[in-house]
Protein backbone atom coordinates (compact mmCIF):
# COMPACT_ATOMS: atom_id res chain seq x y z
CA MET A 1 113.49 113.99 112.42
CA PHE A 2 117.03 114.08 113.12
CA LEU A 3 120.36 114.87 111.62
CA PHE A 4 122.77 112.56 113.34
CA PRO A 5 125.98 110.30 113.17
CA SER A 6 125.31 106.68 112.78
CA THR A 7 127.83 103.78 113.05
CA VAL A 8 128.02 100.83 110.95
CA LEU A 9 127.10 97.87 113.03
CA GLN A 10 126.65 95.07 110.47
CA LEU A 11 127.03 94.58 106.65
CA THR A 12 125.48 91.45 104.98
CA GLU A 13 126.04 90.53 101.35
CA LEU A 14 122.44 89.03 99.93
CA THR A 15 123.25 89.02 96.23
CA PRO A 16 126.51 90.35 94.37
CA ASP A 17 124.82 93.79 93.95
CA THR A 18 122.66 94.00 97.09
CA PHE A 19 123.58 94.28 100.71
CA ARG A 20 121.87 94.93 103.93
CA ILE A 21 123.34 97.13 106.44
CA ARG A 22 122.62 97.67 110.01
CA LEU A 23 123.06 101.07 111.51
CA SER A 24 122.88 102.79 115.04
CA SER A 25 120.27 105.53 115.71
CA PRO A 26 119.32 108.01 118.32
CA GLU A 27 117.20 106.61 121.33
CA ASN A 28 113.89 108.23 120.06
CA PHE A 29 114.28 107.31 116.45
CA ALA A 30 112.00 104.24 116.41
CA ARG A 31 109.18 106.18 118.00
CA GLN A 32 109.18 108.55 115.12
CA PHE A 33 109.42 106.00 112.52
CA ILE A 34 106.49 105.39 110.28
CA PRO A 35 106.67 102.40 108.04
CA GLY A 36 107.67 103.53 104.63
CA GLN A 37 109.76 106.32 105.54
CA PHE A 38 113.52 106.81 104.46
CA VAL A 39 116.91 108.29 105.41
CA MET A 40 119.45 110.49 103.53
CA ALA A 41 122.91 108.98 104.03
CA SER A 42 126.44 109.75 103.33
CA VAL A 43 129.91 108.73 104.84
CA ALA A 44 130.84 111.22 107.49
CA GLY A 45 133.97 113.43 107.56
CA PRO A 46 135.94 115.75 105.29
CA SER A 47 137.64 113.05 103.50
CA HIS A 48 134.51 111.55 102.07
CA LEU A 49 133.30 114.30 99.84
CA ASP A 50 132.91 112.32 96.58
CA PRO A 51 130.29 111.71 96.16
CA LEU A 52 129.03 114.97 98.07
CA LEU A 53 125.44 114.61 98.05
CA LYS A 54 123.50 112.36 100.46
CA ARG A 55 121.52 109.19 99.11
CA PRO A 56 117.84 108.26 100.00
CA PHE A 57 117.42 104.84 101.27
CA SER A 58 114.21 103.12 102.65
CA ILE A 59 114.27 102.03 106.27
CA CYS A 60 113.88 98.27 106.02
CA ARG A 61 113.56 97.20 109.37
CA LEU A 62 113.81 98.50 112.93
CA ARG A 63 116.38 96.79 115.39
CA PRO A 64 116.80 97.02 119.43
CA ASP A 65 120.13 98.92 118.65
CA GLY A 66 119.29 100.75 115.38
CA PHE A 67 117.72 99.96 112.14
CA GLU A 68 118.50 98.24 108.72
CA LEU A 69 118.75 99.47 105.07
CA LEU A 70 118.66 97.50 102.11
CA ILE A 71 120.58 98.69 99.22
CA LYS A 72 121.37 97.98 95.75
CA VAL A 73 124.60 98.85 94.10
CA VAL A 74 123.98 101.27 91.24
CA GLY A 75 126.78 103.70 91.19
CA ARG A 76 129.83 105.22 93.02
CA GLY A 77 127.87 106.28 96.04
CA THR A 78 126.27 102.81 96.84
CA GLU A 79 129.50 101.21 95.86
CA ILE A 80 131.37 103.05 98.69
CA LEU A 81 128.70 101.84 101.08
CA GLN A 82 129.10 98.33 99.93
CA HIS A 83 132.74 98.27 101.22
CA MET A 84 132.54 100.12 104.53
CA ALA A 85 134.26 98.63 107.45
CA ILE A 86 132.33 97.90 110.63
CA GLY A 87 132.55 100.88 112.86
CA THR A 88 132.53 103.43 109.96
CA LEU A 89 130.87 106.76 110.68
CA LEU A 90 127.93 107.89 108.46
CA SER A 91 125.95 111.03 108.33
CA LEU A 92 122.03 110.38 108.29
CA HIS A 93 119.18 112.68 107.94
CA GLY A 94 115.73 111.22 108.85
CA PRO A 95 113.30 109.56 109.25
CA LEU A 96 111.83 111.50 106.40
CA GLY A 97 108.78 111.23 104.12
CA ASN A 98 105.04 110.49 104.95
CA GLY A 99 105.29 106.86 105.19
CA TYR A 100 102.44 104.41 104.82
CA PRO A 101 98.87 105.56 106.09
CA VAL A 102 99.10 102.91 108.97
CA ASN A 103 96.19 104.58 110.66
CA VAL A 104 93.60 103.48 108.10
CA ILE A 105 94.78 99.79 108.15
CA GLY A 106 92.09 98.08 110.30
CA LYS A 107 92.49 94.49 111.24
CA ASP A 108 89.32 93.79 109.30
CA ARG A 109 90.30 94.89 106.07
CA LYS A 110 92.52 93.08 103.51
CA ILE A 111 95.54 94.64 102.18
CA MET A 112 97.58 94.04 99.28
CA LEU A 113 101.48 94.59 99.61
CA VAL A 114 103.20 94.96 96.33
CA ALA A 115 107.02 95.26 95.63
CA GLY A 116 109.41 94.82 93.01
CA GLY A 117 113.16 94.22 93.42
CA ILE A 118 114.74 96.43 95.88
CA GLY A 119 111.32 97.98 96.71
CA ILE A 120 110.69 95.39 99.02
CA ALA A 121 112.55 97.29 101.68
CA SER A 122 109.86 99.60 102.67
CA ILE A 123 107.22 96.65 102.23
CA ILE A 124 109.22 94.69 104.88
CA SER A 125 108.97 97.72 107.39
CA LEU A 126 105.14 97.90 106.76
CA LEU A 127 105.07 93.89 107.26
CA ASP A 128 106.83 94.05 110.51
CA TYR A 129 104.46 96.87 111.74
CA CYS A 130 101.43 94.56 110.65
CA LEU A 131 102.90 91.62 112.53
CA GLU A 132 103.63 93.44 115.62
CA ALA A 133 100.08 94.84 115.77
CA ALA A 134 98.69 91.20 115.48
CA TYR A 135 97.31 91.98 111.97
CA PRO A 136 95.55 88.72 110.68
CA LEU A 137 98.08 87.02 108.27
CA LYS A 138 95.10 85.67 106.37
CA ASN A 139 94.20 89.30 105.49
CA ILE A 140 97.63 90.00 103.99
CA ASN A 141 98.26 89.34 100.26
CA LEU A 142 101.96 89.86 99.35
CA ILE A 143 102.89 90.09 95.70
CA LEU A 144 106.63 90.13 95.00
CA GLY A 145 108.29 90.83 91.55
CA ALA A 146 111.90 90.49 90.26
CA ARG A 147 113.73 89.99 86.97
CA THR A 148 114.88 86.45 88.02
CA SER A 149 114.55 84.16 91.21
CA SER A 150 117.99 85.02 92.36
CA GLU A 151 117.00 88.66 92.76
CA LEU A 152 113.99 87.78 95.14
CA LEU A 153 115.18 88.94 98.52
CA TYR A 154 113.79 87.53 102.05
CA ILE A 155 111.75 84.78 100.11
CA ASP A 156 112.43 82.13 102.68
CA GLU A 157 110.98 84.55 105.52
CA PHE A 158 108.12 85.26 103.32
CA ARG A 159 107.38 81.24 102.66
CA GLN A 160 107.39 80.64 106.36
CA LEU A 161 104.67 83.57 107.03
CA ALA A 162 102.79 81.96 103.94
CA GLU A 163 102.67 78.53 105.81
CA LYS A 164 101.16 80.53 108.84
CA GLY A 165 98.48 82.08 106.45
CA LEU A 166 99.74 85.03 104.52
CA THR A 167 99.05 84.85 100.78
CA LEU A 168 102.30 84.97 98.74
CA SER A 169 102.47 85.61 94.97
CA ILE A 170 105.65 85.78 92.78
CA ALA A 171 106.26 87.05 89.40
CA THR A 172 109.72 87.07 87.55
CA ASP A 173 110.43 88.37 84.06
CA ASP A 174 112.06 85.12 82.96
CA GLY A 175 109.55 82.73 84.68
CA SER A 176 112.33 81.24 86.85
CA MET A 177 109.69 81.38 89.91
CA GLY A 178 105.96 81.97 89.96
CA HIS A 179 104.29 83.81 87.10
CA ARG A 180 106.39 84.65 84.17
CA GLY A 181 105.75 88.38 83.67
CA LEU A 182 105.46 91.69 85.52
CA VAL A 183 104.11 91.90 89.23
CA THR A 184 101.44 94.08 87.75
CA ASP A 185 100.12 91.19 85.93
CA LEU A 186 99.41 89.58 89.10
CA VAL A 187 97.94 92.46 90.77
CA SER A 188 95.39 93.15 87.82
CA GLN A 189 94.75 89.29 87.96
CA GLN A 190 93.99 89.05 91.62
CA LEU A 191 91.85 92.22 91.63
CA GLN A 192 89.72 90.99 88.84
CA ASN A 193 89.35 87.65 90.54
CA ASN A 194 88.69 88.86 94.04
CA ALA A 195 86.85 92.24 93.56
CA GLU A 196 84.78 91.57 96.49
CA ASP A 197 87.93 91.82 98.87
CA ASN A 198 88.22 95.51 98.06
CA PRO A 199 92.00 95.63 99.60
CA ILE A 200 93.97 98.46 100.51
CA ILE A 201 96.83 98.38 98.06
CA LEU A 202 100.18 99.55 99.35
CA SER A 203 103.37 99.51 97.31
């Protein structure tokens, strides 16, 4: 766990109220990271005391020069982050939290990954871990939910994995893509239809 300054390396808008930010990190950060962990973040310096408190953000993806966060604008703090310039210095604390129990995910077990909206951030870090560990795609069932299709993030990437064997299911509240209803509807349905799979469920 580190308390460290971090530089904004890249900022990409994904939807009008959601963006991805790539940040620098200490040399040993990736070695300590467990999928599902998060960082506390705020803009560094005495001129940035409003808002005063750090915000928690799930680590979405490790990169050779740092890591990425996936952020939805929901208030003043996240709005400030959305409009930062490249090179802005942040004050970070992390990685924090227990993370997912990756030590119990055997390659012969089926896993069900469930995420809704911005919650996809931590699931991406877990999916990256599984791919790096050569976990069989045929044993991964990814179930995504969102209010509408325009809020489904990384969908093209997930579809490419589905072409290679991953099971992909989608639910939207308005029915604009996949099942019309809640993501939990699909979870219940698939658990009933495939009870013999006895998957490890991670969300």
